[in-house]
PDB file of N, CA and C in Angstrom:
ATOM      1  N   MET A   1      70.669 142.901  87.176  1.00  0.00           N
ATOM      2  CA  MET A   1      71.944 142.868  87.879  1.00  0.00           C
ATOM      3  C   MET A   1      71.692 142.881  89.380  1.00  0.00           C
ATOM      4  N   ARG A   2      72.173 141.921  90.076  1.00  0.00           N
ATOM      5  CA  ARG A   2      72.038 141.861  91.520  1.00  0.00           C
ATOM      6  C   ARG A   2      73.205 142.613  92.150  1.00  0.00           C
ATOM      7  N   HIS A   3      72.898 143.343  93.228  1.00  0.00           N
ATOM      8  CA  HIS A   3      73.928 144.075  93.950  1.00  0.00           C
ATOM      9  C   HIS A   3      74.353 143.227  95.147  1.00  0.00           C
ATOM     10  N   LEU A   4      75.592 142.877  95.200  1.00  0.00           N
ATOM     11  CA  LEU A   4      76.081 142.022  96.276  1.00  0.00           C
ATOM     12  C   LEU A   4      76.898 142.828  97.255  1.00  0.00           C
ATOM     13  N   LEU A   5      76.692 142.594  98.523  1.00  0.00           N
ATOM     14  CA  LEU A   5      77.422 143.280  99.541  1.00  0.00           C
ATOM     15  C   LEU A   5      78.662 142.531  99.962  1.00  0.00           C
ATOM     16  N   HIS A   6      78.518 141.299 100.341  1.00  0.00           N
ATOM     17  CA  HIS A   6      79.620 140.489 100.843  1.00  0.00           C
ATOM     18  C   HIS A   6      79.162 139.036 100.850  1.00  0.00           C
ATOM     19  N   THR A   7      80.022 138.164 101.295  1.00  0.00           N
ATOM     20  CA  THR A   7      79.602 136.783 101.440  1.00  0.00           C
ATOM     21  C   THR A   7      79.181 136.550 102.882  1.00  0.00           C
ATOM     22  N   ASP A   8      78.312 135.640 103.064  1.00  0.00           N
ATOM     23  CA  ASP A   8      77.806 135.288 104.395  1.00  0.00           C
ATOM     24  C   ASP A   8      78.953 134.679 105.198  1.00  0.00           C
ATOM     25  N   PRO A   9      79.158 135.126 106.473  1.00  0.00           N
ATOM     26  CA  PRO A   9      80.271 134.610 107.249  1.00  0.00           C
ATOM     27  C   PRO A   9      80.147 133.116 107.593  1.00  0.00           C
ATOM     28  N   VAL A  10      78.927 132.621 107.679  1.00  0.00           N
ATOM     29  CA  VAL A  10      78.718 131.202 108.001  1.00  0.00           C
ATOM     30  C   VAL A  10      78.898 130.360 106.733  1.00  0.00           C
ATOM     31  N   LEU A  11      78.353 130.843 105.633  1.00  0.00           N
ATOM     32  CA  LEU A  11      78.464 130.158 104.342  1.00  0.00           C
ATOM     33  C   LEU A  11      79.196 131.106 103.395  1.00  0.00           C
ATOM     34  N   PRO A  12      80.500 131.174 103.462  1.00  0.00           N
ATOM     35  CA  PRO A  12      81.251 132.185 102.748  1.00  0.00           C
ATOM     36  C   PRO A  12      81.131 132.196 101.228  1.00  0.00           C
ATOM     37  N   ASP A  13      80.669 131.128 100.626  1.00  0.00           N
ATOM     38  CA  ASP A  13      80.537 131.098  99.156  1.00  0.00           C
ATOM     39  C   ASP A  13      79.173 131.584  98.678  1.00  0.00           C
ATOM     40  N   ILE A  14      78.281 131.922  99.607  1.00  0.00           N
ATOM     41  CA  ILE A  14      76.955 132.366  99.241  1.00  0.00           C
ATOM     42  C   ILE A  14      76.869 133.887  99.437  1.00  0.00           C
ATOM     43  N   PRO A  15      76.727 134.655  98.335  1.00  0.00           N
ATOM     44  CA  PRO A  15      76.681 136.090  98.474  1.00  0.00           C
ATOM     45  C   PRO A  15      75.407 136.588  99.174  1.00  0.00           C
ATOM     46  N   THR A  16      75.540 137.698  99.858  1.00  0.00           N
ATOM     47  CA  THR A  16      74.412 138.327 100.538  1.00  0.00           C
ATOM     48  C   THR A  16      73.998 139.537  99.730  1.00  0.00           C
ATOM     49  N   GLU A  17      72.703 139.648  99.416  1.00  0.00           N
ATOM     50  CA  GLU A  17      72.201 140.742  98.622  1.00  0.00           C
ATOM     51  C   GLU A  17      72.007 141.992  99.481  1.00  0.00           C
ATOM     52  N   MET A  18      72.160 143.129  98.803  1.00  0.00           N
ATOM     53  CA  MET A  18      71.804 144.406  99.428  1.00  0.00           C
ATOM     54  C   MET A  18      70.297 144.550  99.354  1.00  0.00           C
ATOM     55  N   ASN A  19      69.758 145.286 100.259  1.00  0.00           N
ATOM     56  CA  ASN A  19      68.331 145.604 100.311  1.00  0.00           C
ATOM     57  C   ASN A  19      68.202 147.114 100.211  1.00  0.00           C
ATOM     58  N   TYR A  20      67.425 147.573  99.264  1.00  0.00           N
ATOM     59  CA  TYR A  20      67.314 149.017  99.000  1.00  0.00           C
ATOM     60  C   TYR A  20      65.922 149.522  99.310  1.00  0.00           C
ATOM     61  N   VAL A  21      65.880 150.668  99.954  1.00  0.00           N
ATOM     62  CA  VAL A  21      64.650 151.444 100.144  1.00  0.00           C
ATOM     63  C   VAL A  21      64.825 152.659  99.245  1.00  0.00           C
ATOM     64  N   TYR A  22      63.798 152.990  98.494  1.00  0.00           N
ATOM     65  CA  TYR A  22      63.949 154.079  97.521  1.00  0.00           C
ATOM     66  C   TYR A  22      62.706 154.952  97.463  1.00  0.00           C
ATOM     67  N   LEU A  23      62.881 156.153  96.970  1.00  0.00           N
ATOM     68  CA  LEU A  23      61.781 157.060  96.669  1.00  0.00           C
ATOM     69  C   LEU A  23      61.916 157.454  95.218  1.00  0.00           C
ATOM     70  N   VAL A  24      60.789 157.408  94.502  1.00  0.00           N
ATOM     71  CA  VAL A  24      60.749 157.958  93.156  1.00  0.00           C
ATOM     72  C   VAL A  24      59.756 159.103  93.129  1.00  0.00           C
ATOM     73  N   ARG A  25      60.059 160.090  92.272  1.00  0.00           N
ATOM     74  CA  ARG A  25      59.137 161.188  92.051  1.00  0.00           C
ATOM     75  C   ARG A  25      58.373 160.879  90.770  1.00  0.00           C
ATOM     76  N   CYS A  26      57.075 160.897  90.863  1.00  0.00           N
ATOM     77  CA  CYS A  26      56.217 160.620  89.727  1.00  0.00           C
ATOM     78  C   CYS A  26      56.021 161.880  88.893  1.00  0.00           C
ATOM     79  N   ALA A  27      55.513 161.718  87.683  1.00  0.00           N
ATOM     80  CA  ALA A  27      55.295 162.842  86.770  1.00  0.00           C
ATOM     81  C   ALA A  27      54.384 163.909  87.349  1.00  0.00           C
ATOM     82  N   ASP A  28      53.459 163.508  88.213  1.00  0.00           N
ATOM     83  CA  ASP A  28      52.541 164.473  88.831  1.00  0.00           C
ATOM     84  C   ASP A  28      53.143 165.132  90.059  1.00  0.00           C
ATOM     85  N   GLY A  29      54.423 164.802  90.392  1.00  0.00           N
ATOM     86  CA  GLY A  29      55.093 165.400  91.541  1.00  0.00           C
ATOM     87  C   GLY A  29      54.955 164.616  92.820  1.00  0.00           C
ATOM     88  N   SER A  30      54.106 163.588  92.824  1.00  0.00           N
ATOM     89  CA  SER A  30      53.929 162.776  94.036  1.00  0.00           C
ATOM     90  C   SER A  30      55.162 161.887  94.227  1.00  0.00           C
ATOM     91  N   LEU A  31      55.310 161.368  95.430  1.00  0.00           N
ATOM     92  CA  LEU A  31      56.443 160.512  95.787  1.00  0.00           C
ATOM     93  C   LEU A  31      55.944 159.114  96.103  1.00  0.00           C
ATOM     94  N   TYR A  32      56.694 158.128  95.663  1.00  0.00           N
ATOM     95  CA  TYR A  32      56.371 156.719  95.939  1.00  0.00           C
ATOM     96  C   TYR A  32      57.599 156.088  96.593  1.00  0.00           C
ATOM     97  N   CYS A  33      57.359 155.354  97.683  1.00  0.00           N
ATOM     98  CA  CYS A  33      58.441 154.675  98.403  1.00  0.00           C
ATOM     99  C   CYS A  33      58.293 153.177  98.212  1.00  0.00           C
ATOM    100  N   GLY A  34      59.406 152.491  97.997  1.00  0.00           N
ATOM    101  CA  GLY A  34      59.383 151.048  97.825  1.00  0.00           C
ATOM    102  C   GLY A  34      60.656 150.403  98.346  1.00  0.00           C
ATOM    103  N   TRP A  35      60.711 149.094  98.233  1.00  0.00           N
ATOM    104  CA  TRP A  35      61.828 148.264  98.705  1.00  0.00           C
ATOM    105  C   TRP A  35      62.152 147.232  97.634  1.00  0.00           C
ATOM    106  N   THR A  36      63.443 146.912  97.470  1.00  0.00           N
ATOM    107  CA  THR A  36      63.850 145.923  96.490  1.00  0.00           C
ATOM    108  C   THR A  36      65.269 145.412  96.781  1.00  0.00           C
ATOM    109  N   THR A  37      65.619 144.287  96.169  1.00  0.00           N
ATOM    110  CA  THR A  37      66.997 143.817  96.219  1.00  0.00           C
ATOM    111  C   THR A  37      67.719 144.117  94.903  1.00  0.00           C
ATOM    112  N   ASP A  38      66.978 144.563  93.895  1.00  0.00           N
ATOM    113  CA  ASP A  38      67.540 144.863  92.585  1.00  0.00           C
ATOM    114  C   ASP A  38      67.001 146.216  92.134  1.00  0.00           C
ATOM    115  N   LEU A  39      67.695 147.263  92.503  1.00  0.00           N
ATOM    116  CA  LEU A  39      67.218 148.617  92.275  1.00  0.00           C
ATOM    117  C   LEU A  39      67.051 148.925  90.777  1.00  0.00           C
ATOM    118  N   GLU A  40      68.018 148.544  89.978  1.00  0.00           N
ATOM    119  CA  GLU A  40      67.929 148.832  88.542  1.00  0.00           C
ATOM    120  C   GLU A  40      66.726 148.164  87.905  1.00  0.00           C
ATOM    121  N   ALA A  41      66.490 146.884  88.233  1.00  0.00           N
ATOM    122  CA  ALA A  41      65.352 146.170  87.668  1.00  0.00           C
ATOM    123  C   ALA A  41      64.016 146.770  88.151  1.00  0.00           C
ATOM    124  N   ARG A  42      63.988 147.159  89.414  1.00  0.00           N
ATOM    125  CA  ARG A  42      62.767 147.718  89.951  1.00  0.00           C
ATOM    126  C   ARG A  42      62.444 149.060  89.309  1.00  0.00           C
ATOM    127  N   LEU A  43      63.465 149.894  89.086  1.00  0.00           N
ATOM    128  CA  LEU A  43      63.257 151.170  88.398  1.00  0.00           C
ATOM    129  C   LEU A  43      62.809 150.961  86.971  1.00  0.00           C
ATOM    130  N   ALA A  44      63.388 149.962  86.317  1.00  0.00           N
ATOM    131  CA  ALA A  44      62.973 149.648  84.959  1.00  0.00           C
ATOM    132  C   ALA A  44      61.508 149.206  84.914  1.00  0.00           C
ATOM    133  N   ALA A  45      61.109 148.431  85.924  1.00  0.00           N
ATOM    134  CA  ALA A  45      59.713 147.973  86.014  1.00  0.00           C
ATOM    135  C   ALA A  45      58.780 149.154  86.204  1.00  0.00           C
ATOM    136  N   HIS A  46      59.163 150.081  87.105  1.00  0.00           N
ATOM    137  CA  HIS A  46      58.327 151.278  87.301  1.00  0.00           C
ATOM    138  C   HIS A  46      58.235 152.075  86.012  1.00  0.00           C
ATOM    139  N   SER A  47      59.369 152.274  85.337  1.00  0.00           N
ATOM    140  CA  SER A  47      59.407 153.105  84.129  1.00  0.00           C
ATOM    141  C   SER A  47      58.614 152.511  82.981  1.00  0.00           C
ATOM    142  N   SER A  48      58.505 151.191  82.951  1.00  0.00           N
ATOM    143  CA  SER A  48      57.794 150.529  81.858  1.00  0.00           C
ATOM    144  C   SER A  48      56.312 150.336  82.154  1.00  0.00           C
ATOM    145  N   GLY A  49      55.887 150.754  83.362  1.00  0.00           N
ATOM    146  CA  GLY A  49      54.482 150.589  83.725  1.00  0.00           C
ATOM    147  C   GLY A  49      54.191 149.246  84.388  1.00  0.00           C
ATOM    148  N   ARG A  50      55.217 148.450  84.644  1.00  0.00           N
ATOM    149  CA  ARG A  50      55.019 147.156  85.293  1.00  0.00           C
ATOM    150  C   ARG A  50      55.310 147.199  86.799  1.00  0.00           C
ATOM    151  N   GLY A  51      55.569 148.399  87.315  1.00  0.00           N
ATOM    152  CA  GLY A  51      55.881 148.546  88.731  1.00  0.00           C
ATOM    153  C   GLY A  51      54.610 148.568  89.554  1.00  0.00           C
ATOM    154  N   ALA A  52      54.647 149.301  90.623  1.00  0.00           N
ATOM    155  CA  ALA A  52      53.495 149.393  91.516  1.00  0.00           C
ATOM    156  C   ALA A  52      52.287 149.998  90.830  1.00  0.00           C
ATOM    157  N   LYS A  53      51.110 149.579  91.242  1.00  0.00           N
ATOM    158  CA  LYS A  53      49.870 150.106  90.685  1.00  0.00           C
ATOM    159  C   LYS A  53      49.838 151.629  90.775  1.00  0.00           C
ATOM    160  N   TYR A  54      50.345 152.155  91.899  1.00  0.00           N
ATOM    161  CA  TYR A  54      50.337 153.600  92.117  1.00  0.00           C
ATOM    162  C   TYR A  54      51.102 154.344  91.035  1.00  0.00           C
ATOM    163  N   THR A  55      52.248 153.847  90.612  1.00  0.00           N
ATOM    164  CA  THR A  55      53.097 154.568  89.671  1.00  0.00           C
ATOM    165  C   THR A  55      52.698 154.362  88.204  1.00  0.00           C
ATOM    166  N   ARG A  56      51.916 153.345  87.906  1.00  0.00           N
ATOM    167  CA  ARG A  56      51.571 153.012  86.523  1.00  0.00           C
ATOM    168  C   ARG A  56      50.926 154.157  85.757  1.00  0.00           C
ATOM    169  N   SER A  57      50.085 154.935  86.427  1.00  0.00           N
ATOM    170  CA  SER A  57      49.409 156.031  85.754  1.00  0.00           C
ATOM    171  C   SER A  57      50.090 157.373  85.968  1.00  0.00           C
ATOM    172  N   LYS A  58      51.289 157.330  86.560  1.00  0.00           N
ATOM    173  CA  LYS A  58      51.985 158.569  86.891  1.00  0.00           C
ATOM    174  C   LYS A  58      53.382 158.606  86.273  1.00  0.00           C
ATOM    175  N   LEU A  59      53.533 158.026  85.088  1.00  0.00           N
ATOM    176  CA  LEU A  59      54.830 157.960  84.440  1.00  0.00           C
ATOM    177  C   LEU A  59      55.163 159.276  83.737  1.00  0.00           C
ATOM    178  N   PRO A  60      56.451 159.586  83.596  1.00  0.00           N
ATOM    179  CA  PRO A  60      57.597 158.802  84.010  1.00  0.00           C
ATOM    180  C   PRO A  60      57.904 159.037  85.499  1.00  0.00           C
ATOM    181  N   VAL A  61      58.702 158.115  86.042  1.00  0.00           N
ATOM    182  CA  VAL A  61      59.168 158.257  87.414  1.00  0.00           C
ATOM    183  C   VAL A  61      60.678 158.513  87.402  1.00  0.00           C
ATOM    184  N   LYS A  62      61.165 159.130  88.444  1.00  0.00           N
ATOM    185  CA  LYS A  62      62.594 159.459  88.539  1.00  0.00           C
ATOM    186  C   LYS A  62      63.068 159.131  89.956  1.00  0.00           C
ATOM    187  N   LEU A  63      64.154 158.382  90.066  1.00  0.00           N
ATOM    188  CA  LEU A  63      64.739 158.036  91.363  1.00  0.00           C
ATOM    189  C   LEU A  63      65.267 159.308  92.009  1.00  0.00           C
ATOM    190  N   VAL A  64      64.834 159.559  93.252  1.00  0.00           N
ATOM    191  CA  VAL A  64      65.299 160.756  93.943  1.00  0.00           C
ATOM    192  C   VAL A  64      65.969 160.459  95.283  1.00  0.00           C
ATOM    193  N   TYR A  65      65.885 159.176  95.749  1.00  0.00           N
ATOM    194  CA  TYR A  65      66.462 158.869  97.043  1.00  0.00           C
ATOM    195  C   TYR A  65      66.610 157.344  97.180  1.00  0.00           C
ATOM    196  N   THR A  66      67.692 156.922  97.827  1.00  0.00           N
ATOM    197  CA  THR A  66      67.852 155.495  98.110  1.00  0.00           C
ATOM    198  C   THR A  66      68.712 155.288  99.332  1.00  0.00           C
ATOM    199  N   GLU A  67      68.446 154.232 100.053  1.00  0.00           N
ATOM    200  CA  GLU A  67      69.255 153.777 101.190  1.00  0.00           C
ATOM    201  C   GLU A  67      69.518 152.294 101.005  1.00  0.00           C
ATOM    202  N   ALA A  68      70.705 151.827 101.403  1.00  0.00           N
ATOM    203  CA  ALA A  68      71.049 150.417 101.275  1.00  0.00           C
ATOM    204  C   ALA A  68      71.220 149.809 102.653  1.00  0.00           C
ATOM    205  N   TYR A  69      70.732 148.575 102.794  1.00  0.00           N
ATOM    206  CA  TYR A  69      70.802 147.833 104.047  1.00  0.00           C
ATOM    207  C   TYR A  69      71.257 146.419 103.795  1.00  0.00           C
ATOM    208  N   GLU A  70      72.035 145.889 104.708  1.00  0.00           N
ATOM    209  CA  GLU A  70      72.458 144.494 104.632  1.00  0.00           C
ATOM    210  C   GLU A  70      71.295 143.572 105.059  1.00  0.00           C
ATOM    211  N   ASP A  71      70.519 144.034 106.001  1.00  0.00           N
ATOM    212  CA  ASP A  71      69.473 143.231 106.606  1.00  0.00           C
ATOM    213  C   ASP A  71      68.095 143.572 105.989  1.00  0.00           C
ATOM    214  N   ARG A  72      67.402 142.575 105.496  1.00  0.00           N
ATOM    215  CA  ARG A  72      66.092 142.786 104.882  1.00  0.00           C
ATOM    216  C   ARG A  72      65.097 143.382 105.839  1.00  0.00           C
ATOM    217  N   HIS A  73      65.099 142.892 107.072  1.00  0.00           N
ATOM    218  CA  HIS A  73      64.151 143.423 108.080  1.00  0.00           C
ATOM    219  C   HIS A  73      64.366 144.916 108.305  1.00  0.00           C
ATOM    220  N   GLU A  74      65.636 145.336 108.371  1.00  0.00           N
ATOM    221  CA  GLU A  74      65.918 146.761 108.556  1.00  0.00           C
ATOM    222  C   GLU A  74      65.391 147.590 107.374  1.00  0.00           C
ATOM    223  N   ALA A  75      65.563 147.068 106.165  1.00  0.00           N
ATOM    224  CA  ALA A  75      65.088 147.780 104.977  1.00  0.00           C
ATOM    225  C   ALA A  75      63.575 147.880 104.974  1.00  0.00           C
ATOM    226  N   LEU A  76      62.899 146.791 105.319  1.00  0.00           N
ATOM    227  CA  LEU A  76      61.434 146.794 105.346  1.00  0.00           C
ATOM    228  C   LEU A  76      60.923 147.739 106.453  1.00  0.00           C
ATOM    229  N   SER A  77      61.604 147.754 107.551  1.00  0.00           N
ATOM    230  CA  SER A  77      61.234 148.661 108.653  1.00  0.00           C
ATOM    231  C   SER A  77      61.401 150.109 108.227  1.00  0.00           C
ATOM    232  N   ARG A  78      62.493 150.384 107.553  1.00  0.00           N
ATOM    233  CA  ARG A  78      62.768 151.761 107.094  1.00  0.00           C
ATOM    234  C   ARG A  78      61.723 152.166 106.055  1.00  0.00           C
ATOM    235  N   GLU A  79      61.374 151.263 105.161  1.00  0.00           N
ATOM    236  CA  GLU A  79      60.346 151.559 104.143  1.00  0.00           C
ATOM    237  C   GLU A  79      59.035 151.924 104.863  1.00  0.00           C
ATOM    238  N   TRP A  80      58.649 151.158 105.856  1.00  0.00           N
ATOM    239  CA  TRP A  80      57.426 151.425 106.606  1.00  0.00           C
ATOM    240  C   TRP A  80      57.477 152.820 107.217  1.00  0.00           C
ATOM    241  N   HIS A  81      58.612 153.172 107.821  1.00  0.00           N
ATOM    242  CA  HIS A  81      58.745 154.480 108.447  1.00  0.00           C
ATOM    243  C   HIS A  81      58.672 155.616 107.423  1.00  0.00           C
ATOM    244  N   ILE A  82      59.319 155.442 106.280  1.00  0.00           N
ATOM    245  CA  ILE A  82      59.250 156.488 105.260  1.00  0.00           C
ATOM    246  C   ILE A  82      57.846 156.627 104.738  1.00  0.00           C
ATOM    247  N   LYS A  83      57.160 155.516 104.524  1.00  0.00           N
ATOM    248  CA  LYS A  83      55.783 155.573 104.023  1.00  0.00           C
ATOM    249  C   LYS A  83      54.849 156.289 104.991  1.00  0.00           C
ATOM    250  N   HIS A  84      55.207 156.325 106.237  1.00  0.00           N
ATOM    251  CA  HIS A  84      54.373 157.005 107.231  1.00  0.00           C
ATOM    252  C   HIS A  84      54.810 158.443 107.486  1.00  0.00           C
ATOM    253  N   MET A  85      55.814 158.908 106.768  1.00  0.00           N
ATOM    254  CA  MET A  85      56.222 160.322 106.850  1.00  0.00           C
ATOM    255  C   MET A  85      55.233 161.152 106.018  1.00  0.00           C
ATOM    256  N   ASN A  86      55.095 162.409 106.404  1.00  0.00           N
ATOM    257  CA  ASN A  86      54.298 163.291 105.558  1.00  0.00           C
ATOM    258  C   ASN A  86      55.184 163.790 104.406  1.00  0.00           C
ATOM    259  N   ARG A  87      54.581 164.476 103.462  1.00  0.00           N
ATOM    260  CA  ARG A  87      55.319 164.920 102.274  1.00  0.00           C
ATOM    261  C   ARG A  87      56.492 165.829 102.630  1.00  0.00           C
ATOM    262  N   GLU A  88      56.287 166.744 103.579  1.00  0.00           N
ATOM    263  CA  GLU A  88      57.349 167.659 103.986  1.00  0.00           C
ATOM    264  C   GLU A  88      58.549 166.886 104.551  1.00  0.00           C
ATOM    265  N   GLN A  89      58.287 165.884 105.340  1.00  0.00           N
ATOM    266  CA  GLN A  89      59.391 165.062 105.905  1.00  0.00           C
ATOM    267  C   GLN A  89      60.143 164.305 104.793  1.00  0.00           C
ATOM    268  N   LYS A  90      59.385 163.788 103.823  1.00  0.00           N
ATOM    269  CA  LYS A  90      60.024 163.091 102.700  1.00  0.00           C
ATOM    270  C   LYS A  90      60.882 164.038 101.873  1.00  0.00           C
ATOM    271  N   LEU A  91      60.391 165.243 101.632  1.00  0.00           N
ATOM    272  CA  LEU A  91      61.158 166.221 100.872  1.00  0.00           C
ATOM    273  C   LEU A  91      62.433 166.610 101.620  1.00  0.00           C
ATOM    274  N   LYS A  92      62.344 166.703 102.938  1.00  0.00           N
ATOM    275  CA  LYS A  92      63.513 166.996 103.743  1.00  0.00           C
ATOM    276  C   LYS A  92      64.545 165.850 103.646  1.00  0.00           C
ATOM    277  N   LEU A  93      64.053 164.645 103.646  1.00  0.00           N
ATOM    278  CA  LEU A  93      64.915 163.470 103.486  1.00  0.00           C
ATOM    279  C   LEU A  93      65.636 163.515 102.124  1.00  0.00           C
ATOM    280  N   ILE A  94      64.899 163.851 101.095  1.00  0.00           N
ATOM    281  CA  ILE A  94      65.466 163.959  99.742  1.00  0.00           C
ATOM    282  C   ILE A  94      66.478 165.094  99.662  1.00  0.00           C
ATOM    283  N   SER A  95      66.176 166.212 100.296  1.00  0.00           N
ATOM    284  CA  SER A  95      67.097 167.351 100.251  1.00  0.00           C
ATOM    285  C   SER A  95      68.403 167.004 100.951  1.00  0.00           C
ATOM    286  N   GLY A  96      68.355 166.155 101.973  1.00  0.00           N
ATOM    287  CA  GLY A  96      69.576 165.665 102.620  1.00  0.00           C
ATOM    288  C   GLY A  96      70.403 164.844 101.664  1.00  0.00           C
ATOM    289  N   ALA A  97      69.743 164.132 100.758  1.00  0.00           N
ATOM    290  CA  ALA A  97      70.429 163.320  99.754  1.00  0.00           C
ATOM    291  C   ALA A  97      71.175 164.203  98.803  1.00  0.00           C
ATOM    292  N   VAL A  98      70.594 165.327  98.433  1.00  0.00           N
ATOM    293  CA  VAL A  98      71.215 166.254  97.502  1.00  0.00           C
ATOM    294  C   VAL A  98      72.472 166.855  98.140  1.00  0.00           C
ATOM    295  N   GLU A  99      72.479 166.996  99.468  1.00  0.00           N
ATOM    296  CA  GLU A  99      73.634 167.522 100.172  1.00  0.00           C
ATOM    297  C   GLU A  99      74.717 166.483 100.396  1.00  0.00           C
ATOM    298  N   GLY A 100      74.538 165.286  99.839  1.00  0.00           N
ATOM    299  CA  GLY A 100      75.582 164.276  99.903  1.00  0.00           C
ATOM    300  C   GLY A 100      75.461 163.251 101.029  1.00  0.00           C
ATOM    301  N   LYS A 101      74.329 163.234 101.696  1.00  0.00           N
ATOM    302  CA  LYS A 101      74.151 162.288 102.781  1.00  0.00           C
ATOM    303  C   LYS A 101      73.807 160.878 102.317  1.00  0.00           C
ATOM    304  N   THR A 102      73.343 160.768 101.082  1.00  0.00           N
ATOM    305  CA  THR A 102      73.004 159.487 100.500  1.00  0.00           C
ATOM    306  C   THR A 102      73.115 159.584  98.988  1.00  0.00           C
ATOM    307  N   VAL A 103      72.613 158.615  98.254  1.00  0.00           N
ATOM    308  CA  VAL A 103      72.699 158.622  96.793  1.00  0.00           C
ATOM    309  C   VAL A 103      71.937 159.806  96.231  1.00  0.00           C
ATOM    310  N   PRO A 104      72.557 160.608  95.401  1.00  0.00           N
ATOM    311  CA  PRO A 104      71.886 161.785  94.797  1.00  0.00           C
ATOM    312  C   PRO A 104      70.901 161.425  93.705  1.00  0.00           C
ATOM    313  N   ASP A 105      70.161 162.439  93.300  1.00  0.00           N
ATOM    314  CA  ASP A 105      69.208 162.324  92.203  1.00  0.00           C
ATOM    315  C   ASP A 105      69.835 161.701  90.970  1.00  0.00           C
ATOM    316  N   ARG A 106      69.118 160.810  90.292  1.00  0.00           N
ATOM    317  CA  ARG A 106      69.580 160.244  89.029  1.00  0.00           C
ATOM    318  C   ARG A 106      68.680 160.716  87.941  1.00  0.00           C
ATOM    319  N   GLU A 107      69.230 160.927  86.763  1.00  0.00           N
ATOM    320  CA  GLU A 107      68.430 161.330  85.578  1.00  0.00           C
ATOM    321  C   GLU A 107      67.802 160.088  84.988  1.00  0.00           C
TER     322      GLU A 107
END
């Protein structure tokens, strides 16, 4: 399922996809950050072992944080910044999500 934000103002009949930056918590407690335009499909890929090499041996994974962007460049930039955070900073980001600042933990 593709997540659509709106139609392009120049080409109004062509939908614009959302870009998601996400964090998953692996079974060993580690955190993995990624980017996608189809969050549900990407999580399914991680859960089935077809996701990133890092998460394949650390199943199951659980979505703990996500941000949505209209612009792909912004999402990729944010992913880069999150990947360069230390664990404490990432946990603080996730705890902000639990307080309602972004999408909460999913089972």
